[in-house]
Amino acid sequence: MKTAYELAMERLQKSVPSKKLTGAQKKELAELDSQYAAKIAGRELALADEINTTRGTGDMEKAGKLQEQLVVERKKLLAELEEKKEQVRQAAG
């Protein structure tokens, strides 16, 4: 007997069949993940250092703004990554 999840996945597969990716596309997606992980880590390191320095001086308001900037930049990079990955996926169709 199938679970409700399995039945739902079968219905979804019938209505929206998944696209098969080639090996090159999978490799390109992995490279994008790697590149953006490095970009995000770089920004996090740079801003974390600046945030710690600012907190050390006692300027908590500026540290808070830098923390918000980090969140915004991270979201922007993740959105960029998803956009590029979607372009690769669309090329499969």
N, C-alpha and C. Protein backbone atom coordinates (compact mmCIF):
# COMPACT_ATOMS: atom_id res chain seq x y z
N MET A 1 0.85 -1.17 0.00
CA MET A 1 0.00 0.00 0.00
C MET A 1 0.90 1.24 0.00
N LYS A 2 0.54 2.24 -0.81
CA LYS A 2 1.34 3.45 -0.93
C LYS A 2 0.90 4.48 0.10
N THR A 3 1.88 5.29 0.50
CA THR A 3 1.56 6.36 1.44
C THR A 3 0.94 7.53 0.68
N ALA A 4 0.34 8.43 1.43
CA ALA A 4 -0.26 9.62 0.82
C ALA A 4 0.80 10.43 0.09
N TYR A 5 2.00 10.48 0.63
CA TYR A 5 3.10 11.20 -0.01
C TYR A 5 3.41 10.60 -1.37
N GLU A 6 3.53 9.28 -1.43
CA GLU A 6 3.84 8.61 -2.68
C GLU A 6 2.75 8.83 -3.73
N LEU A 7 1.50 8.80 -3.30
CA LEU A 7 0.39 9.04 -4.21
C LEU A 7 0.42 10.48 -4.74
N ALA A 8 0.70 11.42 -3.86
CA ALA A 8 0.77 12.83 -4.25
C ALA A 8 1.91 13.04 -5.24
N MET A 9 3.04 12.40 -5.00
CA MET A 9 4.18 12.53 -5.91
C MET A 9 3.87 11.94 -7.27
N GLU A 10 3.14 10.85 -7.33
CA GLU A 10 2.74 10.26 -8.60
C GLU A 10 1.83 11.20 -9.38
N ARG A 11 0.86 11.81 -8.68
CA ARG A 11 -0.04 12.77 -9.35
C ARG A 11 0.73 13.96 -9.86
N LEU A 12 1.66 14.46 -9.07
CA LEU A 12 2.48 15.59 -9.48
C LEU A 12 3.31 15.23 -10.71
N GLN A 13 3.88 14.06 -10.73
CA GLN A 13 4.71 13.59 -11.84
C GLN A 13 3.89 13.53 -13.12
N LYS A 14 2.61 13.14 -13.01
CA LYS A 14 1.75 13.05 -14.19
C LYS A 14 1.40 14.44 -14.72
N SER A 15 1.15 15.39 -13.81
CA SER A 15 0.74 16.73 -14.24
C SER A 15 1.92 17.59 -14.67
N VAL A 16 3.06 17.45 -14.01
CA VAL A 16 4.25 18.23 -14.34
C VAL A 16 5.44 17.28 -14.35
N PRO A 17 5.69 16.65 -15.47
CA PRO A 17 6.82 15.71 -15.50
C PRO A 17 8.15 16.43 -15.29
N SER A 18 9.02 15.79 -14.56
CA SER A 18 10.33 16.40 -14.29
C SER A 18 11.21 16.29 -15.52
N LYS A 19 12.07 17.27 -15.69
CA LYS A 19 13.00 17.28 -16.82
C LYS A 19 14.28 16.58 -16.40
N LYS A 20 14.81 15.78 -17.28
CA LYS A 20 16.06 15.10 -17.01
C LYS A 20 17.21 16.02 -17.39
N LEU A 21 18.17 16.13 -16.50
CA LEU A 21 19.34 16.97 -16.75
C LEU A 21 20.48 16.12 -17.29
N THR A 22 21.25 16.70 -18.17
CA THR A 22 22.43 16.00 -18.69
C THR A 22 23.55 16.08 -17.66
N GLY A 23 24.56 15.30 -17.87
CA GLY A 23 25.72 15.33 -16.98
C GLY A 23 26.39 16.69 -16.97
N ALA A 24 26.44 17.33 -18.15
CA ALA A 24 27.06 18.66 -18.25
C ALA A 24 26.25 19.69 -17.47
N GLN A 25 24.93 19.57 -17.53
CA GLN A 25 24.08 20.51 -16.79
C GLN A 25 24.22 20.30 -15.28
N LYS A 26 24.29 19.05 -14.86
CA LYS A 26 24.49 18.76 -13.44
C LYS A 26 25.82 19.33 -12.97
N LYS A 27 26.85 19.18 -13.82
CA LYS A 27 28.17 19.71 -13.48
C LYS A 27 28.11 21.24 -13.39
N GLU A 28 27.41 21.87 -14.33
CA GLU A 28 27.28 23.33 -14.32
C GLU A 28 26.54 23.81 -13.07
N LEU A 29 25.50 23.09 -12.67
CA LEU A 29 24.77 23.45 -11.45
C LEU A 29 25.67 23.33 -10.23
N ALA A 30 26.47 22.28 -10.18
CA ALA A 30 27.40 22.08 -9.06
C ALA A 30 28.44 23.20 -9.03
N GLU A 31 28.93 23.60 -10.21
CA GLU A 31 29.90 24.69 -10.27
C GLU A 31 29.29 26.00 -9.79
N LEU A 32 28.04 26.25 -10.19
CA LEU A 32 27.35 27.47 -9.73
C LEU A 32 27.22 27.46 -8.21
N ASP A 33 26.82 26.31 -7.65
CA ASP A 33 26.72 26.19 -6.19
C ASP A 33 28.05 26.52 -5.53
N SER A 34 29.12 25.96 -6.08
CA SER A 34 30.44 26.16 -5.52
C SER A 34 30.87 27.63 -5.61
N GLN A 35 30.66 28.24 -6.77
CA GLN A 35 31.05 29.64 -6.97
C GLN A 35 30.29 30.56 -6.01
N TYR A 36 29.00 30.34 -5.89
CA TYR A 36 28.21 31.23 -5.04
C TYR A 36 28.45 30.96 -3.56
N ALA A 37 28.77 29.73 -3.21
CA ALA A 37 29.13 29.45 -1.82
C ALA A 37 30.39 30.23 -1.46
N ALA A 38 31.33 30.29 -2.40
CA ALA A 38 32.57 31.05 -2.17
C ALA A 38 32.29 32.55 -2.08
N LYS A 39 31.43 33.04 -2.96
CA LYS A 39 31.09 34.48 -2.93
C LYS A 39 30.43 34.84 -1.61
N ILE A 40 29.48 34.01 -1.18
CA ILE A 40 28.77 34.28 0.08
C ILE A 40 29.74 34.21 1.26
N ALA A 41 30.59 33.21 1.27
CA ALA A 41 31.56 33.07 2.37
C ALA A 41 32.50 34.27 2.40
N GLY A 42 32.92 34.73 1.24
CA GLY A 42 33.80 35.91 1.18
C GLY A 42 33.14 37.15 1.76
N ARG A 43 31.89 37.37 1.39
CA ARG A 43 31.17 38.53 1.91
C ARG A 43 30.95 38.39 3.42
N GLU A 44 30.61 37.18 3.85
CA GLU A 44 30.39 36.95 5.28
C GLU A 44 31.65 37.21 6.08
N LEU A 45 32.78 36.76 5.57
CA LEU A 45 34.05 36.98 6.28
C LEU A 45 34.39 38.47 6.34
N ALA A 46 34.24 39.15 5.20
CA ALA A 46 34.58 40.57 5.16
C ALA A 46 33.69 41.38 6.09
N LEU A 47 32.40 41.13 6.02
CA LEU A 47 31.48 41.91 6.86
C LEU A 47 31.54 41.48 8.32
N ALA A 48 31.78 40.20 8.58
CA ALA A 48 31.89 39.76 9.97
C ALA A 48 33.06 40.44 10.66
N ASP A 49 34.16 40.57 9.95
CA ASP A 49 35.33 41.26 10.50
C ASP A 49 34.99 42.72 10.80
N GLU A 50 34.31 43.34 9.84
CA GLU A 50 33.93 44.75 10.03
C GLU A 50 32.93 44.91 11.17
N ILE A 51 32.00 43.96 11.28
CA ILE A 51 31.00 44.00 12.36
C ILE A 51 31.69 43.86 13.72
N ASN A 52 32.61 42.92 13.82
CA ASN A 52 33.33 42.72 15.09
C ASN A 52 34.14 43.94 15.47
N THR A 53 34.79 44.56 14.48
CA THR A 53 35.56 45.77 14.75
C THR A 53 34.65 46.89 15.23
N THR A 54 33.50 47.01 14.59
CA THR A 54 32.55 48.07 14.95
C THR A 54 31.99 47.83 16.35
N ARG A 55 31.69 46.58 16.66
CA ARG A 55 31.19 46.26 18.01
C ARG A 55 32.25 46.56 19.06
N GLY A 56 33.50 46.32 18.68
CA GLY A 56 34.61 46.59 19.61
C GLY A 56 34.72 48.07 19.95
N THR A 57 34.34 48.93 19.02
CA THR A 57 34.38 50.37 19.28
C THR A 57 33.13 50.83 20.03
N GLY A 58 32.13 49.94 20.14
CA GLY A 58 30.92 50.29 20.88
C GLY A 58 29.81 50.89 20.02
N ASP A 59 30.01 50.95 18.73
CA ASP A 59 28.99 51.52 17.84
C ASP A 59 28.02 50.41 17.42
N MET A 60 27.07 50.12 18.29
CA MET A 60 26.14 49.02 18.05
C MET A 60 25.17 49.33 16.92
N GLU A 61 24.86 50.59 16.72
CA GLU A 61 23.94 50.96 15.64
C GLU A 61 24.56 50.63 14.28
N LYS A 62 25.81 51.00 14.10
CA LYS A 62 26.50 50.71 12.84
C LYS A 62 26.67 49.21 12.68
N ALA A 63 26.95 48.49 13.76
CA ALA A 63 27.10 47.04 13.71
C ALA A 63 25.78 46.39 13.27
N GLY A 64 24.68 46.93 13.76
CA GLY A 64 23.37 46.42 13.36
C GLY A 64 23.10 46.64 11.88
N LYS A 65 23.49 47.82 11.39
CA LYS A 65 23.31 48.12 9.96
C LYS A 65 24.17 47.20 9.10
N LEU A 66 25.39 46.94 9.57
CA LEU A 66 26.26 46.03 8.83
C LEU A 66 25.69 44.61 8.82
N GLN A 67 25.10 44.21 9.93
CA GLN A 67 24.47 42.88 10.02
C GLN A 67 23.31 42.79 9.03
N GLU A 68 22.52 43.86 8.94
CA GLU A 68 21.41 43.90 7.98
C GLU A 68 21.95 43.86 6.55
N GLN A 69 23.04 44.56 6.30
CA GLN A 69 23.66 44.57 4.98
C GLN A 69 24.10 43.16 4.60
N LEU A 70 24.65 42.45 5.55
CA LEU A 70 25.08 41.07 5.31
C LEU A 70 23.89 40.20 4.91
N VAL A 71 22.78 40.35 5.61
CA VAL A 71 21.59 39.56 5.30
C VAL A 71 21.08 39.90 3.90
N VAL A 72 21.04 41.18 3.56
CA VAL A 72 20.57 41.61 2.25
C VAL A 72 21.47 41.07 1.14
N GLU A 73 22.77 41.19 1.32
CA GLU A 73 23.72 40.72 0.31
C GLU A 73 23.63 39.21 0.13
N ARG A 74 23.46 38.50 1.24
CA ARG A 74 23.34 37.04 1.18
C ARG A 74 22.08 36.65 0.38
N LYS A 75 20.96 37.31 0.68
CA LYS A 75 19.71 37.02 -0.04
C LYS A 75 19.85 37.34 -1.52
N LYS A 76 20.53 38.45 -1.82
CA LYS A 76 20.73 38.85 -3.22
C LYS A 76 21.54 37.80 -3.97
N LEU A 77 22.62 37.34 -3.35
CA LEU A 77 23.46 36.33 -3.99
C LEU A 77 22.72 35.00 -4.16
N LEU A 78 21.92 34.63 -3.18
CA LEU A 78 21.15 33.38 -3.30
C LEU A 78 20.10 33.49 -4.40
N ALA A 79 19.48 34.67 -4.53
CA ALA A 79 18.50 34.88 -5.60
C ALA A 79 19.18 34.82 -6.96
N GLU A 80 20.35 35.41 -7.05
CA GLU A 80 21.15 35.38 -8.28
C GLU A 80 21.49 33.93 -8.65
N LEU A 81 21.88 33.17 -7.65
CA LEU A 81 22.23 31.76 -7.86
C LEU A 81 21.02 31.00 -8.40
N GLU A 82 19.88 31.17 -7.77
CA GLU A 82 18.68 30.45 -8.21
C GLU A 82 18.28 30.84 -9.62
N GLU A 83 18.46 32.11 -9.96
CA GLU A 83 18.14 32.59 -11.30
C GLU A 83 19.03 31.89 -12.34
N LYS A 84 20.32 31.82 -12.04
CA LYS A 84 21.26 31.17 -12.97
C LYS A 84 21.00 29.68 -13.06
N LYS A 85 20.68 29.04 -11.94
CA LYS A 85 20.38 27.62 -11.95
C LYS A 85 19.11 27.34 -12.76
N GLU A 86 18.14 28.21 -12.65
CA GLU A 86 16.90 28.04 -13.42
C GLU A 86 17.17 28.16 -14.91
N GLN A 87 18.08 29.06 -15.29
CA GLN A 87 18.45 29.18 -16.71
C GLN A 87 19.06 27.88 -17.22
N VAL A 88 19.89 27.26 -16.40
CA VAL A 88 20.51 25.99 -16.79
C VAL A 88 19.43 24.92 -16.91
N ARG A 89 18.50 24.89 -15.96
CA ARG A 89 17.41 23.90 -16.00
C ARG A 89 16.52 24.09 -17.22
N GLN A 90 16.24 25.35 -17.56
CA GLN A 90 15.38 25.65 -18.72
C GLN A 90 16.05 25.19 -20.01
N ALA A 91 17.35 25.24 -20.04
CA ALA A 91 18.09 24.80 -21.24
C ALA A 91 17.88 23.30 -21.46
N ALA A 92 17.51 22.58 -20.41
CA ALA A 92 17.27 21.13 -20.52
C ALA A 92 15.99 20.86 -21.30
N GLY A 93 15.04 21.80 -21.25
CA GLY A 93 13.75 21.57 -21.88
C GLY A 93 13.78 21.90 -23.32
